[in-house]
């Protein structure tokens, strides 16, 4: 028995589960549940729904380019049964699964490193907002020092922005441009009058 993949969300479809939709051009679409089937018929894009594998892969939350994933690809080539090769493949499947799990864990840990930095920044912002509520004096003093440093940096930036441009450059910018009056076109009515007079 084969474990198929859902056309919409790419989750596993085990034997006796899911539903099949066959289009007029005889293309087969398999869905794991009615939710995926309805969304497909409503012409929804799976990349725009956050819970599908396609959208997770597009946002870099799933492993995509990995040689371990190539083993899961569907192969329709008929192979002659050989007991020795079957034993080898079953042993290899277990090993490949272990490798896949280890790589996924590594991939997840890398992703979470960035999330840790983001969380730390959020915590620091909250502490800076609510300094008055902190009871520990050492922590409070440390946060107040950081706030002062930030304020000093902002003041320096503002001072740099306020610095005036050199007077020579100002003179160049304020060059007097001669006023050229706009010449109107002769109106068509005069032309008409001249043609009528002739």
Foldseek 3Di string as FASTA:
>chain_A
DDWDAAPQQRDTADPPAWDWDADPVRDIGTHRDVVRVVCVVVVHHSLVDCRGPNVCVVVPNDDDPDPLVVVVDDDPDDDDDDPVVVVVVVVVVVVSVVVVVVVNVVSVVVVVVVVVVVVVVVVLVVCLVPLVPDDDPVVSVVSVVVVVVVVVVVVVVVVVVPDDDDVVVVPVVPDDDDDDDDDDDDDVVVVVVVVVVD
